[in-house]
Amino acid sequence: MRCLYCNCTESKVIDSRSADDDRTIRRRRECIGCGRRFTTYETIEVAPILVVKSDGNRQAFDKGKIKRGIIKACEKRPVPIEKIDELVEDISKRVYNSMEQEISSKQIGEMVMEGLKGLDEVAYVRYASVYRSFKDISSFMSELQSMMEKKESGQ
């Protein structure tokens, strides 16, 4: 690790502790050359996962994009941000644990809908209406009917 102040490549680690929910190691270092201290962060390098869109385009997986979509669906609903963060983390883990280099946006959308269904039914319907591109009121009503039937049967 090169010192920020004198460019010396020799330093010693004074303190190490985990940060960011044990996904990062924060190291406090002291330069051997000038004696000044600086902080470094060590994280696991993650292989990029590409999301294959419905039109065939590919883009890097971005859990921030998932979070923004969920927040939009939960707008003006009594859903705590902690629950949204948990859902985003769960989806992200599932994507990375799939061990695939590519995942379809459809699969991610289904994961989001599955999570929202348990979190808040109104947010689920909002997300589903955009995700499934309801064309008219009848397609919207059939989704609501399906939800009601599942609820009545105890699922």
N, C-alpha and C. Protein backbone atom coordinates (compact mmCIF):
# COMPACT_ATOMS: atom_id res chain seq x y z
N MET A 1 0.85 -1.17 0.00
CA MET A 1 0.00 0.00 0.00
C MET A 1 0.90 1.23 0.00
N ARG A 2 0.69 2.11 -0.94
CA ARG A 2 1.52 3.31 -1.09
C ARG A 2 0.98 4.43 -0.19
N CYS A 3 1.86 5.10 0.56
CA CYS A 3 1.49 6.20 1.44
C CYS A 3 0.97 7.38 0.62
N LEU A 4 -0.09 8.00 1.10
CA LEU A 4 -0.68 9.15 0.43
C LEU A 4 0.22 10.38 0.48
N TYR A 5 1.06 10.44 1.50
CA TYR A 5 1.84 11.65 1.76
C TYR A 5 3.25 11.63 1.15
N CYS A 6 3.93 10.47 1.26
CA CYS A 6 5.32 10.43 0.78
C CYS A 6 5.57 9.37 -0.29
N ASN A 7 4.54 8.63 -0.69
CA ASN A 7 4.62 7.57 -1.70
C ASN A 7 5.45 6.37 -1.30
N CYS A 8 5.80 6.25 -0.05
CA CYS A 8 6.55 5.10 0.45
C CYS A 8 5.65 3.86 0.36
N THR A 9 6.22 2.73 -0.01
CA THR A 9 5.42 1.51 -0.13
C THR A 9 5.43 0.66 1.14
N GLU A 10 6.15 1.07 2.15
CA GLU A 10 6.22 0.32 3.41
C GLU A 10 5.31 0.96 4.45
N SER A 11 4.41 0.16 5.01
CA SER A 11 3.56 0.63 6.09
C SER A 11 3.25 -0.54 7.01
N LYS A 12 2.84 -0.21 8.23
CA LYS A 12 2.44 -1.27 9.15
C LYS A 12 0.99 -1.04 9.56
N VAL A 13 0.29 -2.15 9.79
CA VAL A 13 -1.10 -2.08 10.19
C VAL A 13 -1.15 -1.88 11.70
N ILE A 14 -1.84 -0.80 12.12
CA ILE A 14 -1.96 -0.47 13.54
C ILE A 14 -3.24 -1.07 14.11
N ASP A 15 -4.31 -1.02 13.32
CA ASP A 15 -5.62 -1.49 13.79
C ASP A 15 -6.40 -2.05 12.62
N SER A 16 -7.11 -3.16 12.84
CA SER A 16 -8.00 -3.76 11.85
C SER A 16 -9.34 -4.02 12.49
N ARG A 17 -10.39 -3.68 11.78
CA ARG A 17 -11.74 -4.01 12.27
C ARG A 17 -12.66 -4.14 11.08
N SER A 18 -13.74 -4.88 11.30
CA SER A 18 -14.69 -5.06 10.21
C SER A 18 -15.60 -3.84 10.11
N ALA A 19 -16.07 -3.61 8.91
CA ALA A 19 -16.97 -2.49 8.64
C ALA A 19 -18.01 -2.96 7.64
N ASP A 20 -19.06 -2.17 7.48
CA ASP A 20 -20.07 -2.46 6.46
C ASP A 20 -20.64 -3.87 6.61
N ASP A 21 -21.15 -4.19 7.79
CA ASP A 21 -21.76 -5.50 8.06
C ASP A 21 -20.83 -6.67 7.75
N ASP A 22 -19.59 -6.54 8.14
CA ASP A 22 -18.57 -7.58 7.98
C ASP A 22 -18.26 -7.92 6.53
N ARG A 23 -18.51 -7.00 5.61
CA ARG A 23 -18.16 -7.21 4.21
C ARG A 23 -16.88 -6.49 3.84
N THR A 24 -16.41 -5.65 4.74
CA THR A 24 -15.23 -4.83 4.48
C THR A 24 -14.34 -4.85 5.71
N ILE A 25 -13.05 -4.80 5.49
CA ILE A 25 -12.11 -4.68 6.60
C ILE A 25 -11.49 -3.29 6.52
N ARG A 26 -11.59 -2.57 7.61
CA ARG A 26 -11.00 -1.22 7.71
C ARG A 26 -9.65 -1.38 8.41
N ARG A 27 -8.60 -0.90 7.77
CA ARG A 27 -7.27 -1.00 8.35
C ARG A 27 -6.68 0.39 8.54
N ARG A 28 -6.20 0.63 9.73
CA ARG A 28 -5.50 1.88 10.05
C ARG A 28 -4.02 1.56 9.88
N ARG A 29 -3.33 2.33 9.06
CA ARG A 29 -1.92 2.07 8.75
C ARG A 29 -1.05 3.24 9.14
N GLU A 30 0.23 2.92 9.39
CA GLU A 30 1.22 3.96 9.67
C GLU A 30 2.37 3.77 8.70
N CYS A 31 2.73 4.84 8.02
CA CYS A 31 3.81 4.80 7.03
C CYS A 31 5.14 4.65 7.74
N ILE A 32 5.97 3.76 7.26
CA ILE A 32 7.31 3.55 7.83
C ILE A 32 8.20 4.75 7.48
N GLY A 33 8.00 5.32 6.29
CA GLY A 33 8.83 6.43 5.82
C GLY A 33 8.60 7.74 6.56
N CYS A 34 7.35 8.20 6.63
CA CYS A 34 7.08 9.52 7.20
C CYS A 34 6.36 9.47 8.55
N GLY A 35 5.85 8.30 8.93
CA GLY A 35 5.18 8.16 10.21
C GLY A 35 3.73 8.62 10.25
N ARG A 36 3.21 9.11 9.12
CA ARG A 36 1.82 9.57 9.09
C ARG A 36 0.87 8.38 8.97
N ARG A 37 -0.35 8.58 9.40
CA ARG A 37 -1.34 7.50 9.40
C ARG A 37 -2.41 7.73 8.34
N PHE A 38 -2.91 6.61 7.82
CA PHE A 38 -3.99 6.66 6.85
C PHE A 38 -4.83 5.39 6.97
N THR A 39 -6.01 5.43 6.38
CA THR A 39 -6.95 4.31 6.48
C THR A 39 -7.15 3.68 5.11
N THR A 40 -7.20 2.36 5.09
CA THR A 40 -7.51 1.64 3.85
C THR A 40 -8.69 0.72 4.12
N TYR A 41 -9.38 0.34 3.06
CA TYR A 41 -10.51 -0.57 3.16
C TYR A 41 -10.27 -1.74 2.22
N GLU A 42 -10.52 -2.93 2.70
CA GLU A 42 -10.34 -4.14 1.91
C GLU A 42 -11.70 -4.80 1.73
N THR A 43 -12.06 -5.05 0.47
CA THR A 43 -13.34 -5.70 0.18
C THR A 43 -13.13 -6.88 -0.76
N ILE A 44 -14.10 -7.75 -0.80
CA ILE A 44 -14.05 -8.89 -1.71
C ILE A 44 -14.34 -8.40 -3.12
N GLU A 45 -13.53 -8.82 -4.06
CA GLU A 45 -13.78 -8.46 -5.45
C GLU A 45 -14.86 -9.38 -5.99
N VAL A 46 -15.89 -8.78 -6.52
CA VAL A 46 -17.03 -9.54 -7.00
C VAL A 46 -17.02 -9.55 -8.53
N ALA A 47 -17.20 -10.75 -9.08
CA ALA A 47 -17.28 -10.86 -10.54
C ALA A 47 -18.57 -10.18 -11.00
N PRO A 48 -18.48 -9.37 -12.04
CA PRO A 48 -19.69 -8.66 -12.47
C PRO A 48 -20.76 -9.62 -13.01
N ILE A 49 -21.99 -9.33 -12.67
CA ILE A 49 -23.12 -10.10 -13.17
C ILE A 49 -23.89 -9.18 -14.12
N LEU A 50 -24.21 -9.72 -15.28
CA LEU A 50 -24.95 -8.93 -16.27
C LEU A 50 -26.43 -9.27 -16.23
N VAL A 51 -27.26 -8.24 -16.33
CA VAL A 51 -28.70 -8.42 -16.38
C VAL A 51 -29.10 -8.35 -17.85
N VAL A 52 -29.77 -9.40 -18.32
CA VAL A 52 -30.23 -9.45 -19.71
C VAL A 52 -31.65 -8.90 -19.74
N LYS A 53 -31.81 -7.76 -20.42
CA LYS A 53 -33.10 -7.10 -20.51
C LYS A 53 -33.97 -7.82 -21.54
N SER A 54 -35.26 -7.51 -21.56
CA SER A 54 -36.20 -8.18 -22.47
C SER A 54 -35.87 -7.92 -23.94
N ASP A 55 -35.22 -6.78 -24.23
CA ASP A 55 -34.85 -6.48 -25.61
C ASP A 55 -33.49 -7.06 -25.99
N GLY A 56 -32.86 -7.82 -25.07
CA GLY A 56 -31.58 -8.45 -25.35
C GLY A 56 -30.37 -7.66 -24.90
N ASN A 57 -30.56 -6.39 -24.55
CA ASN A 57 -29.44 -5.59 -24.05
C ASN A 57 -28.97 -6.12 -22.71
N ARG A 58 -27.70 -5.89 -22.43
CA ARG A 58 -27.12 -6.33 -21.17
C ARG A 58 -26.55 -5.14 -20.44
N GLN A 59 -26.74 -5.14 -19.11
CA GLN A 59 -26.13 -4.10 -18.28
C GLN A 59 -25.73 -4.71 -16.95
N ALA A 60 -24.80 -4.07 -16.28
CA ALA A 60 -24.29 -4.58 -15.02
C ALA A 60 -25.40 -4.59 -13.97
N PHE A 61 -25.40 -5.63 -13.13
CA PHE A 61 -26.36 -5.73 -12.03
C PHE A 61 -26.13 -4.59 -11.07
N ASP A 62 -27.22 -3.91 -10.70
CA ASP A 62 -27.13 -2.74 -9.82
C ASP A 62 -28.23 -2.86 -8.77
N LYS A 63 -27.82 -3.19 -7.54
CA LYS A 63 -28.85 -3.34 -6.51
C LYS A 63 -29.48 -2.00 -6.15
N GLY A 64 -28.81 -0.90 -6.45
CA GLY A 64 -29.38 0.42 -6.24
C GLY A 64 -30.62 0.63 -7.09
N LYS A 65 -30.61 0.08 -8.29
CA LYS A 65 -31.75 0.19 -9.19
C LYS A 65 -32.94 -0.58 -8.63
N ILE A 66 -32.67 -1.73 -8.04
CA ILE A 66 -33.73 -2.53 -7.42
C ILE A 66 -34.32 -1.75 -6.24
N LYS A 67 -33.44 -1.17 -5.44
CA LYS A 67 -33.89 -0.42 -4.26
C LYS A 67 -34.77 0.76 -4.68
N ARG A 68 -34.36 1.48 -5.71
CA ARG A 68 -35.15 2.62 -6.17
C ARG A 68 -36.55 2.19 -6.63
N GLY A 69 -36.62 1.06 -7.32
CA GLY A 69 -37.92 0.54 -7.77
C GLY A 69 -38.81 0.13 -6.61
N ILE A 70 -38.22 -0.49 -5.60
CA ILE A 70 -38.99 -0.91 -4.43
C ILE A 70 -39.46 0.31 -3.64
N ILE A 71 -38.58 1.28 -3.48
CA ILE A 71 -38.95 2.51 -2.77
C ILE A 71 -40.11 3.20 -3.48
N LYS A 72 -40.05 3.24 -4.80
CA LYS A 72 -41.13 3.86 -5.58
C LYS A 72 -42.45 3.12 -5.34
N ALA A 73 -42.40 1.78 -5.31
CA ALA A 73 -43.62 0.99 -5.09
C ALA A 73 -44.16 1.17 -3.67
N CYS A 74 -43.26 1.43 -2.72
CA CYS A 74 -43.65 1.57 -1.31
C CYS A 74 -43.93 3.01 -0.90
N GLU A 75 -43.87 3.93 -1.86
CA GLU A 75 -44.11 5.33 -1.56
C GLU A 75 -45.44 5.53 -0.85
N LYS A 76 -45.42 6.31 0.24
CA LYS A 76 -46.61 6.63 1.05
C LYS A 76 -47.24 5.39 1.67
N ARG A 77 -46.44 4.35 1.89
CA ARG A 77 -46.89 3.13 2.55
C ARG A 77 -46.10 2.98 3.84
N PRO A 78 -46.67 2.30 4.84
CA PRO A 78 -45.98 2.14 6.13
C PRO A 78 -44.91 1.04 6.11
N VAL A 79 -43.98 1.14 5.18
CA VAL A 79 -42.92 0.13 5.06
C VAL A 79 -41.61 0.77 5.51
N PRO A 80 -41.01 0.27 6.60
CA PRO A 80 -39.75 0.85 7.08
C PRO A 80 -38.61 0.60 6.09
N ILE A 81 -37.69 1.56 6.00
CA ILE A 81 -36.55 1.45 5.08
C ILE A 81 -35.70 0.21 5.40
N GLU A 82 -35.69 -0.19 6.68
CA GLU A 82 -34.92 -1.39 7.06
C GLU A 82 -35.45 -2.64 6.34
N LYS A 83 -36.78 -2.72 6.23
CA LYS A 83 -37.39 -3.86 5.53
C LYS A 83 -37.07 -3.83 4.04
N ILE A 84 -37.04 -2.63 3.48
CA ILE A 84 -36.69 -2.48 2.07
C ILE A 84 -35.24 -2.90 1.87
N ASP A 85 -34.34 -2.44 2.76
CA ASP A 85 -32.92 -2.83 2.67
C ASP A 85 -32.74 -4.33 2.80
N GLU A 86 -33.50 -4.96 3.71
CA GLU A 86 -33.43 -6.42 3.87
C GLU A 86 -33.85 -7.13 2.58
N LEU A 87 -34.92 -6.64 1.97
CA LEU A 87 -35.40 -7.25 0.73
C LEU A 87 -34.37 -7.09 -0.38
N VAL A 88 -33.78 -5.91 -0.49
CA VAL A 88 -32.77 -5.66 -1.52
C VAL A 88 -31.56 -6.57 -1.29
N GLU A 89 -31.12 -6.70 -0.03
CA GLU A 89 -29.99 -7.58 0.29
C GLU A 89 -30.31 -9.02 -0.04
N ASP A 90 -31.53 -9.46 0.28
CA ASP A 90 -31.95 -10.83 -0.01
C ASP A 90 -31.91 -11.11 -1.51
N ILE A 91 -32.45 -10.18 -2.29
CA ILE A 91 -32.45 -10.35 -3.75
C ILE A 91 -31.02 -10.36 -4.28
N SER A 92 -30.20 -9.46 -3.78
CA SER A 92 -28.80 -9.38 -4.21
C SER A 92 -28.07 -10.68 -3.90
N LYS A 93 -28.28 -11.22 -2.72
CA LYS A 93 -27.65 -12.50 -2.34
C LYS A 93 -28.10 -13.62 -3.26
N ARG A 94 -29.41 -13.65 -3.55
CA ARG A 94 -29.92 -14.69 -4.43
C ARG A 94 -29.31 -14.58 -5.83
N VAL A 95 -29.13 -13.37 -6.31
CA VAL A 95 -28.54 -13.17 -7.63
C VAL A 95 -27.09 -13.66 -7.63
N TYR A 96 -26.31 -13.26 -6.63
CA TYR A 96 -24.90 -13.66 -6.58
C TYR A 96 -24.73 -15.15 -6.26
N ASN A 97 -25.64 -15.71 -5.46
CA ASN A 97 -25.56 -17.13 -5.12
C ASN A 97 -26.00 -18.04 -6.25
N SER A 98 -26.61 -17.48 -7.27
CA SER A 98 -27.03 -18.30 -8.40
C SER A 98 -25.83 -18.83 -9.18
N MET A 99 -24.68 -18.20 -8.96
CA MET A 99 -23.42 -18.60 -9.61
C MET A 99 -23.46 -18.44 -11.13
N GLU A 100 -24.42 -17.69 -11.61
CA GLU A 100 -24.52 -17.41 -13.04
C GLU A 100 -23.88 -16.06 -13.34
N GLN A 101 -23.34 -15.89 -14.52
CA GLN A 101 -22.75 -14.62 -14.92
C GLN A 101 -23.79 -13.68 -15.51
N GLU A 102 -24.93 -14.27 -15.92
CA GLU A 102 -26.02 -13.48 -16.48
C GLU A 102 -27.33 -13.91 -15.84
N ILE A 103 -28.21 -12.95 -15.65
CA ILE A 103 -29.54 -13.23 -15.10
C ILE A 103 -30.53 -12.34 -15.86
N SER A 104 -31.71 -12.85 -16.10
CA SER A 104 -32.69 -12.07 -16.85
C SER A 104 -33.38 -11.07 -15.93
N SER A 105 -33.76 -9.94 -16.49
CA SER A 105 -34.49 -8.93 -15.72
C SER A 105 -35.82 -9.50 -15.25
N LYS A 106 -36.35 -10.45 -16.00
CA LYS A 106 -37.61 -11.11 -15.63
C LYS A 106 -37.45 -11.87 -14.32
N GLN A 107 -36.34 -12.58 -14.16
CA GLN A 107 -36.09 -13.32 -12.92
C GLN A 107 -35.98 -12.36 -11.73
N ILE A 108 -35.29 -11.26 -11.93
CA ILE A 108 -35.13 -10.27 -10.86
C ILE A 108 -36.49 -9.66 -10.51
N GLY A 109 -37.28 -9.34 -11.52
CA GLY A 109 -38.61 -8.78 -11.30
C GLY A 109 -39.49 -9.73 -10.50
N GLU A 110 -39.40 -11.01 -10.80
CA GLU A 110 -40.18 -12.01 -10.06
C GLU A 110 -39.73 -12.07 -8.60
N MET A 111 -38.42 -11.97 -8.36
CA MET A 111 -37.91 -11.97 -6.99
C MET A 111 -38.43 -10.75 -6.22
N VAL A 112 -38.44 -9.61 -6.88
CA VAL A 112 -38.93 -8.38 -6.25
C VAL A 112 -40.41 -8.53 -5.91
N MET A 113 -41.19 -9.03 -6.86
CA MET A 113 -42.63 -9.18 -6.62
C MET A 113 -42.91 -10.17 -5.49
N GLU A 114 -42.16 -11.25 -5.46
CA GLU A 114 -42.31 -12.25 -4.40
C GLU A 114 -42.03 -11.62 -3.04
N GLY A 115 -40.98 -10.80 -2.96
CA GLY A 115 -40.64 -10.14 -1.71
C GLY A 115 -41.65 -9.08 -1.32
N LEU A 116 -42.13 -8.31 -2.29
CA LEU A 116 -43.12 -7.27 -2.00
C LEU A 116 -44.46 -7.84 -1.56
N LYS A 117 -44.79 -9.02 -2.08
CA LYS A 117 -46.07 -9.64 -1.72
C LYS A 117 -46.12 -9.89 -0.21
N GLY A 118 -45.00 -10.30 0.36
CA GLY A 118 -44.93 -10.53 1.80
C GLY A 118 -44.75 -9.26 2.61
N LEU A 119 -44.26 -8.22 1.97
CA LEU A 119 -43.97 -6.96 2.66
C LEU A 119 -45.19 -6.04 2.73
N ASP A 120 -45.82 -5.80 1.59
CA ASP A 120 -46.95 -4.88 1.53
C ASP A 120 -47.73 -5.16 0.25
N GLU A 121 -48.99 -5.53 0.39
CA GLU A 121 -49.79 -5.92 -0.78
C GLU A 121 -50.01 -4.76 -1.76
N VAL A 122 -50.19 -3.55 -1.24
CA VAL A 122 -50.40 -2.40 -2.12
C VAL A 122 -49.14 -2.12 -2.93
N ALA A 123 -47.98 -2.19 -2.26
CA ALA A 123 -46.71 -1.99 -2.97
C ALA A 123 -46.52 -3.07 -4.03
N TYR A 124 -46.93 -4.30 -3.69
CA TYR A 124 -46.85 -5.41 -4.65
C TYR A 124 -47.68 -5.10 -5.90
N VAL A 125 -48.92 -4.66 -5.70
CA VAL A 125 -49.81 -4.36 -6.83
C VAL A 125 -49.25 -3.21 -7.66
N ARG A 126 -48.70 -2.20 -6.99
CA ARG A 126 -48.09 -1.08 -7.72
C ARG A 126 -46.95 -1.57 -8.60
N TYR A 127 -46.06 -2.36 -8.00
CA TYR A 127 -44.90 -2.86 -8.75
C TYR A 127 -45.37 -3.77 -9.89
N ALA A 128 -46.31 -4.66 -9.59
CA ALA A 128 -46.80 -5.60 -10.60
C ALA A 128 -47.46 -4.86 -11.76
N SER A 129 -48.15 -3.76 -11.46
CA SER A 129 -48.83 -3.03 -12.54
C SER A 129 -47.84 -2.45 -13.54
N VAL A 130 -46.68 -2.05 -13.06
CA VAL A 130 -45.65 -1.53 -13.97
C VAL A 130 -44.87 -2.69 -14.59
N TYR A 131 -44.48 -3.65 -13.75
CA TYR A 131 -43.66 -4.78 -14.20
C TYR A 131 -44.39 -5.62 -15.24
N ARG A 132 -45.64 -5.91 -14.97
CA ARG A 132 -46.40 -6.77 -15.89
C ARG A 132 -47.11 -5.97 -16.97
N SER A 133 -46.94 -4.67 -16.98
CA SER A 133 -47.51 -3.78 -18.00
C SER A 133 -49.00 -4.05 -18.21
N PHE A 134 -49.78 -3.89 -17.14
CA PHE A 134 -51.21 -4.09 -17.27
C PHE A 134 -51.74 -3.16 -18.36
N LYS A 135 -52.41 -3.73 -19.32
CA LYS A 135 -52.90 -2.97 -20.48
C LYS A 135 -54.24 -2.29 -20.19
N ASP A 136 -55.05 -2.93 -19.34
CA ASP A 136 -56.36 -2.37 -19.05
C ASP A 136 -56.80 -2.79 -17.65
N ILE A 137 -57.97 -2.37 -17.27
CA ILE A 137 -58.49 -2.63 -15.93
C ILE A 137 -58.76 -4.12 -15.70
N SER A 138 -59.10 -4.86 -16.75
CA SER A 138 -59.40 -6.28 -16.58
C SER A 138 -58.15 -7.08 -16.20
N SER A 139 -57.00 -6.75 -16.77
CA SER A 139 -55.77 -7.46 -16.39
C SER A 139 -55.38 -7.10 -14.96
N PHE A 140 -55.63 -5.86 -14.57
CA PHE A 140 -55.38 -5.41 -13.21
C PHE A 140 -56.30 -6.15 -12.24
N MET A 141 -57.58 -6.25 -12.60
CA MET A 141 -58.56 -6.93 -11.75
C MET A 141 -58.27 -8.42 -11.63
N SER A 142 -57.80 -9.04 -12.70
CA SER A 142 -57.50 -10.48 -12.62
C SER A 142 -56.34 -10.74 -11.66
N GLU A 143 -55.36 -9.82 -11.60
CA GLU A 143 -54.26 -9.95 -10.64
C GLU A 143 -54.78 -9.80 -9.22
N LEU A 144 -55.66 -8.83 -9.00
CA LEU A 144 -56.25 -8.64 -7.67
C LEU A 144 -57.11 -9.85 -7.28
N GLN A 145 -57.85 -10.38 -8.22
CA GLN A 145 -58.68 -11.55 -7.98
C GLN A 145 -57.81 -12.74 -7.55
N SER A 146 -56.70 -12.92 -8.25
CA SER A 146 -55.77 -14.00 -7.93
C SER A 146 -55.22 -13.84 -6.51
N MET A 147 -54.88 -12.61 -6.14
CA MET A 147 -54.38 -12.34 -4.78
C MET A 147 -55.44 -12.65 -3.74
N MET A 148 -56.68 -12.24 -4.00
CA MET A 148 -57.78 -12.47 -3.06
C MET A 148 -58.03 -13.97 -2.87
N GLU A 149 -58.00 -14.73 -3.95
CA GLU A 149 -58.23 -16.17 -3.87
C GLU A 149 -57.14 -16.85 -3.05
N LYS A 150 -55.88 -16.45 -3.25
CA LYS A 150 -54.79 -17.03 -2.49
C LYS A 150 -54.91 -16.68 -1.01
N LYS A 151 -55.33 -15.45 -0.73
CA LYS A 151 -55.48 -15.01 0.66
C LYS A 151 -56.59 -15.79 1.35
N GLU A 152 -57.71 -16.01 0.64
CA GLU A 152 -58.85 -16.74 1.22
C GLU A 152 -58.53 -18.21 1.44
N SER A 153 -57.68 -18.78 0.58
CA SER A 153 -57.34 -20.20 0.73
C SER A 153 -56.22 -20.40 1.76
N GLY A 154 -55.68 -19.29 2.29
CA GLY A 154 -54.69 -19.39 3.36
C GLY A 154 -53.26 -19.54 2.93
N GLN A 155 -52.92 -19.14 1.72
CA GLN A 155 -51.54 -19.27 1.25
C GLN A 155 -50.75 -18.06 1.53
